[in-house]
């Protein structure tokens, strides 16, 4: 009898036939397999629950394995657990018996490792969660995802001498209302924590390839990178992380949470970016880490 895939698995890992590049691609917020227990507990509609999902980002970057790079994608949704938060970013307003710690703006706004709200500040639950349930989610979702990501980074360093993680996300169109690049609204925001998570050579290369593919690119505004960039980005030892945020309106109907007519074109342009990055000579960036 064939083994059925675990619907509650933490991630899907797509490996290349042969590793050819130090680039690693990850999509931590595109998971769309909603556990039945979440569906039973939430006070939101299915569409509202999906509003904080980086829908279809894993599909946009799906060509990475064909270019010799792995693609790690969250299987479970951000509304269940946010792997782009530290495991101890626990919300006392959501979790029974959780003591208040030092002020954390993400937790205070309901966006801890177990989110209390989705996009627009809409509450997910009508009450609190048991601490045991929260710990189970962290143990079964957060830890496996990060174990896989750390293994990919270490493997890249072993085989290629360095690791370059492109942490792929999407952002609401309205998040860019106040941002302009040479008078234009950006399509892509690259976050390297102002140089703390990636060398300038690496970020500049990523920026140049997105620009070459016709995207308008901003750096670190309005998003500079969150937990994954902060935790894994160590350019001084050859571990680089660039967070990529793509304007959702470029490829999807945000209200319907469905690809629109421009989806295939954007996917193909991103595939060009991936191919050029994975084919680039990164020996110069490697020297910067020695």
Protein backbone atom coordinates (compact mmCIF):
# COMPACT_ATOMS: atom_id res chain seq x y z
CA UNK A 1 0.00 0.00 0.00
CA UNK A 2 1.46 3.39 -0.94
CA UNK A 3 2.26 5.79 1.90
CA UNK A 4 -0.05 8.79 1.90
CA UNK A 5 1.66 12.18 2.22
CA UNK A 6 1.28 13.82 5.61
CA UNK A 7 -1.17 16.74 5.21
CA UNK A 8 0.35 18.39 8.29
CA UNK A 9 3.94 18.21 7.08
CA UNK A 10 5.85 21.42 7.62
CA UNK A 11 7.32 21.94 4.16
CA UNK A 12 7.77 20.77 0.59
CA UNK A 13 11.36 20.53 -0.61
CA UNK A 14 12.13 20.54 -4.32
CA UNK A 15 15.73 19.53 -4.97
CA UNK A 16 17.64 19.87 -8.24
CA UNK A 17 19.03 16.80 -9.96
CA UNK A 18 22.48 18.32 -9.43
CA UNK A 19 23.45 21.24 -7.23
CA UNK A 20 25.02 23.89 -9.49
CA UNK A 21 24.81 27.15 -7.57
CA UNK A 22 25.12 28.60 -4.06
CA UNK A 23 21.60 30.04 -4.34
CA UNK A 24 18.85 28.63 -2.15
CA UNK A 25 15.24 29.69 -2.69
CA UNK A 26 12.59 29.58 0.04
CA UNK A 27 8.93 30.59 0.28
CA UNK A 28 7.96 30.62 3.96
CA UNK A 29 4.49 32.15 3.61
CA UNK A 30 2.97 30.47 0.53
CA UNK A 31 1.66 27.42 2.39
CA UNK A 32 -2.02 26.87 1.66
CA UNK A 33 -2.89 23.55 3.31
CA UNK A 34 -5.15 24.60 6.17
CA UNK A 35 -5.44 22.02 8.98
CA UNK A 36 -9.02 21.01 9.82
CA UNK A 37 -8.47 22.08 13.41
CA UNK A 38 -7.74 25.64 12.27
CA UNK A 39 -10.81 25.66 10.05
CA UNK A 40 -12.92 24.59 13.03
CA UNK A 41 -11.44 27.12 15.43
CA UNK A 42 -11.30 30.26 13.31
CA UNK A 43 -14.02 32.89 13.25
CA UNK A 44 -12.93 33.99 9.77
CA UNK A 45 -14.10 32.91 6.36
CA UNK A 46 -11.72 30.84 4.25
CA UNK A 47 -10.90 33.86 2.07
CA UNK A 48 -10.27 36.10 5.08
CA UNK A 49 -8.01 33.45 6.58
CA UNK A 50 -5.95 33.43 3.38
CA UNK A 51 -5.46 37.21 3.33
CA UNK A 52 -2.03 37.02 4.98
CA UNK A 53 -0.87 34.18 2.72
CA UNK A 54 1.83 34.90 0.14
CA UNK A 55 -0.35 33.11 -2.36
CA UNK A 56 1.31 31.45 -5.38
CA UNK A 57 4.84 32.66 -4.58
CA UNK A 58 6.07 29.05 -4.61
CA UNK A 59 4.68 28.75 -8.14
CA UNK A 60 6.39 31.95 -9.26
CA UNK A 61 9.79 30.60 -8.18
CA UNK A 62 9.14 26.98 -9.19
CA UNK A 63 11.86 26.96 -11.88
CA UNK A 64 14.69 27.13 -9.32
CA UNK A 65 15.38 23.36 -9.22
CA UNK A 66 15.74 23.23 -13.01
CA UNK A 67 18.57 25.77 -12.61
CA UNK A 68 20.43 23.72 -10.01
CA UNK A 69 19.02 25.38 -6.86
CA UNK A 70 16.75 23.93 -4.17
CA UNK A 71 13.33 25.41 -3.41
CA UNK A 72 11.95 25.09 0.12
CA UNK A 73 8.27 25.99 0.46
CA UNK A 74 6.12 26.01 3.58
CA UNK A 75 3.29 23.49 3.35
CA UNK A 76 1.17 24.92 6.17
CA UNK A 77 -0.10 28.51 6.14
CA UNK A 78 1.18 31.56 7.92
CA UNK A 79 -2.13 31.78 9.83
CA UNK A 80 -1.23 28.42 11.45
CA UNK A 81 2.38 29.32 12.28
CA UNK A 82 4.79 31.94 10.98
CA UNK A 83 8.22 30.43 10.34
CA UNK A 84 9.57 33.96 9.74
CA UNK A 85 9.36 34.63 13.47
CA UNK A 86 11.50 33.38 16.33
CA UNK A 87 10.07 30.37 18.15
CA UNK A 88 9.85 32.40 21.37
CA UNK A 89 7.82 35.28 19.92
CA UNK A 90 4.77 34.17 21.90
CA UNK A 91 1.67 36.33 22.29
CA UNK A 92 0.19 36.57 25.81
CA UNK A 93 -3.03 37.93 24.31
CA UNK A 94 -3.49 34.63 22.46
CA UNK A 95 -1.83 31.92 24.56
CA UNK A 96 -3.18 30.77 27.92
CA UNK A 97 -0.70 31.28 30.74
CA UNK A 98 1.85 33.13 28.61
CA UNK A 99 3.61 35.83 30.61
CA UNK A 100 4.35 39.22 29.14
CA UNK A 101 7.98 39.75 28.22
CA UNK A 102 9.93 42.67 26.85
CA UNK A 103 7.98 44.74 24.34
CA UNK A 104 8.01 43.20 20.89
CA UNK A 105 6.14 45.22 18.24
CA UNK A 106 5.39 42.14 16.11
CA UNK A 107 3.89 40.24 19.04
CA UNK A 108 2.02 43.34 20.26
CA UNK A 109 0.39 43.71 16.84
CA UNK A 110 -0.75 40.06 16.88
CA UNK A 111 1.94 38.79 14.52
CA UNK A 112 3.99 36.49 16.70
CA UNK A 113 5.08 32.98 15.79
CA UNK A 114 1.45 31.88 16.23
CA UNK A 115 -0.48 34.79 14.70
CA UNK A 116 -3.46 36.22 16.51
CA UNK A 117 -4.63 38.24 13.49
CA UNK A 118 -4.48 38.16 9.71
CA UNK A 119 -4.15 41.02 7.24
CA UNK A 120 -6.07 44.10 8.31
CA UNK A 121 -5.84 43.15 11.99
CA UNK A 122 -8.77 40.73 11.84
CA UNK A 123 -8.71 38.25 14.77
CA UNK A 124 -8.34 34.60 13.82
CA UNK A 125 -9.89 33.18 17.01
CA UNK A 126 -12.59 34.15 19.47
CA UNK A 127 -10.55 33.06 22.49
CA UNK A 128 -7.14 31.88 23.58
CA UNK A 129 -5.14 28.80 22.59
CA UNK A 130 -3.86 26.20 25.02
CA UNK A 131 -0.15 26.37 25.64
CA UNK A 132 0.22 22.67 24.79
CA UNK A 133 -1.36 23.25 21.38
CA UNK A 134 1.02 26.12 20.68
CA UNK A 135 4.04 24.03 21.64
CA UNK A 136 2.85 21.21 19.37
CA UNK A 137 2.66 23.59 16.43
CA UNK A 138 6.15 24.90 17.12
CA UNK A 139 7.58 21.41 17.55
CA UNK A 140 5.90 19.95 14.45
CA UNK A 141 6.06 22.94 12.09
CA UNK A 142 8.65 25.56 13.10
CA UNK A 143 11.49 23.22 14.03
CA UNK A 144 11.24 20.94 10.95
CA UNK A 145 11.13 23.94 8.58
CA UNK A 146 14.19 25.55 10.13
CA UNK A 147 16.07 22.25 10.34
CA UNK A 148 15.54 21.85 6.60
CA UNK A 149 16.58 25.45 5.88
CA UNK A 150 19.72 25.17 8.00
CA UNK A 151 20.63 21.92 6.27
CA UNK A 152 20.28 23.57 2.85
CA UNK A 153 22.45 26.50 3.90
CA UNK A 154 25.12 24.22 5.37
CA UNK A 155 25.08 21.99 2.28
CA UNK A 156 25.51 25.03 0.05
CA UNK A 157 28.48 26.22 2.09
CA UNK A 158 30.04 22.74 1.96
CA UNK A 159 29.56 22.30 -1.80
CA UNK A 160 29.84 25.86 -3.08
CA UNK A 161 31.83 27.67 -0.43
CA UNK A 162 28.95 29.96 0.44
CA UNK A 163 25.15 30.10 0.67
CA UNK A 164 22.88 32.76 -0.80
CA UNK A 165 19.30 32.47 0.43
CA UNK A 166 16.61 34.31 -1.48
CA UNK A 167 13.67 34.42 0.93
CA UNK A 168 10.65 34.95 -1.30
CA UNK A 169 7.51 36.81 -0.23
CA UNK A 170 4.70 38.95 -1.60
CA UNK A 171 3.25 42.19 -0.26
CA UNK A 172 -0.10 43.95 -0.57
CA UNK A 173 -0.17 46.63 -3.24
CA UNK A 174 -1.22 49.19 -0.63
CA UNK A 175 2.02 48.63 1.30
CA UNK A 176 3.81 50.62 -1.38
CA UNK A 177 1.58 53.70 -1.33
CA UNK A 178 4.34 55.97 0.03
CA UNK A 179 7.34 54.38 -1.72
CA UNK A 180 8.81 55.66 -4.99
CA UNK A 181 11.95 54.74 -6.91
CA UNK A 182 12.91 57.40 -9.44
CA UNK A 183 9.29 58.52 -9.39
CA UNK A 184 7.87 55.02 -9.88
CA UNK A 185 6.17 52.66 -7.49
CA UNK A 186 8.39 49.58 -6.91
CA UNK A 187 7.33 46.12 -8.01
CA UNK A 188 9.98 44.41 -5.89
CA UNK A 189 11.49 45.28 -2.51
CA UNK A 190 14.81 43.66 -1.62
CA UNK A 191 15.66 43.50 2.08
CA UNK A 192 19.18 42.83 3.31
CA UNK A 193 18.79 44.57 6.67
CA UNK A 194 20.82 47.48 5.30
CA UNK A 195 23.79 45.26 4.53
CA UNK A 196 23.69 43.19 7.71
CA UNK A 197 22.28 40.01 6.10
CA UNK A 198 24.02 40.07 2.69
CA UNK A 199 27.04 41.67 1.08
CA UNK A 200 26.44 44.62 -1.21
CA UNK A 201 27.79 42.59 -4.15
CA UNK A 202 25.13 39.93 -3.65
CA UNK A 203 22.24 42.38 -3.18
CA UNK A 204 23.42 44.46 -6.13
CA UNK A 205 23.45 41.37 -8.35
CA UNK A 206 19.92 40.40 -7.33
CA UNK A 207 18.74 43.97 -7.88
CA UNK A 208 20.38 44.20 -11.30
CA UNK A 209 18.75 40.99 -12.52
CA UNK A 210 15.26 42.00 -11.37
CA UNK A 211 15.78 45.40 -12.99
CA UNK A 212 17.00 43.72 -16.17
CA UNK A 213 13.77 41.68 -16.21
CA UNK A 214 11.71 44.87 -16.18
CA UNK A 215 10.89 45.20 -12.46
CA UNK A 216 11.22 48.46 -10.54
CA UNK A 217 13.23 47.65 -7.41
CA UNK A 218 13.52 49.26 -4.00
CA UNK A 219 15.97 48.31 -1.27
CA UNK A 220 14.95 47.99 2.39
CA UNK A 221 11.88 50.20 2.08
CA UNK A 222 9.33 49.45 3.32
CA UNK A 223 10.66 45.96 4.24
CA UNK A 224 14.25 45.32 5.30
CA UNK A 225 13.98 41.66 6.30
CA UNK A 226 12.57 39.79 9.29
CA UNK A 227 13.65 36.83 11.44
CA UNK A 228 15.02 34.61 8.67
CA UNK A 229 17.21 37.37 7.25
CA UNK A 230 18.37 38.34 10.72
CA UNK A 231 19.06 34.79 11.88
CA UNK A 232 20.65 33.25 8.78
CA UNK A 233 22.35 36.26 7.24
CA UNK A 234 26.05 36.20 8.11
CA UNK A 235 27.84 37.66 5.09
CA UNK A 236 31.16 37.75 6.95
CA UNK A 237 31.18 33.92 6.91
CA UNK A 238 29.67 33.49 3.44
CA UNK A 239 26.02 33.18 4.43
CA UNK A 240 23.92 35.77 2.62
CA UNK A 241 20.16 36.36 2.85
CA UNK A 242 18.14 38.71 0.65
CA UNK A 243 14.42 38.96 1.33
CA UNK A 244 12.33 39.45 -1.82
CA UNK A 245 8.90 41.10 -1.61
CA UNK A 246 6.83 41.14 -4.81
CA UNK A 247 3.81 43.40 -5.25
CA UNK A 248 0.83 41.00 -5.34
CA UNK A 249 -1.04 43.15 -7.83
CA UNK A 250 1.63 42.28 -10.43
CA UNK A 251 0.41 38.71 -10.68
CA UNK A 252 -2.87 38.19 -8.79
CA UNK A 253 -6.29 39.57 -7.98
CA UNK A 254 -5.78 40.38 -4.31
CA UNK A 255 -9.48 40.44 -3.45
CA UNK A 256 -10.23 37.08 -5.07
CA UNK A 257 -6.83 35.56 -4.13
CA UNK A 258 -6.48 34.19 -7.65
CA UNK A 259 -3.89 34.58 -10.42
CA UNK A 260 -4.85 37.19 -12.99
CA UNK A 261 -4.01 37.38 -16.68
CA UNK A 262 -0.49 38.64 -16.05
CA UNK A 263 0.56 35.71 -13.88
CA UNK A 264 2.34 33.69 -16.57
CA UNK A 265 4.31 36.70 -17.79
CA UNK A 266 5.53 37.55 -14.28
CA UNK A 267 6.42 33.89 -13.63
CA UNK A 268 8.41 33.79 -16.87
CA UNK A 269 10.26 37.01 -16.03
CA UNK A 270 11.12 35.64 -12.59
CA UNK A 271 12.32 32.43 -14.25
CA UNK A 272 14.72 34.57 -16.30
CA UNK A 273 15.98 36.19 -13.09
CA UNK A 274 16.50 32.78 -11.49
CA UNK A 275 18.37 31.43 -14.52
CA UNK A 276 20.71 34.42 -14.67
CA UNK A 277 21.40 34.39 -10.95
CA UNK A 278 22.06 30.67 -10.86
CA UNK A 279 24.34 30.99 -13.87
CA UNK A 280 26.33 33.88 -12.41
CA UNK A 281 29.96 33.54 -11.34
CA UNK A 282 29.80 34.15 -7.59
CA UNK A 283 33.52 33.74 -6.92
CA UNK A 284 33.87 37.47 -6.21
CA UNK A 285 31.24 37.31 -3.49
CA UNK A 286 32.97 34.25 -2.08
CA UNK A 287 36.22 36.18 -1.76
CA UNK A 288 34.43 38.79 0.32
CA UNK A 289 33.61 36.10 2.89
CA UNK A 290 37.16 34.77 3.27
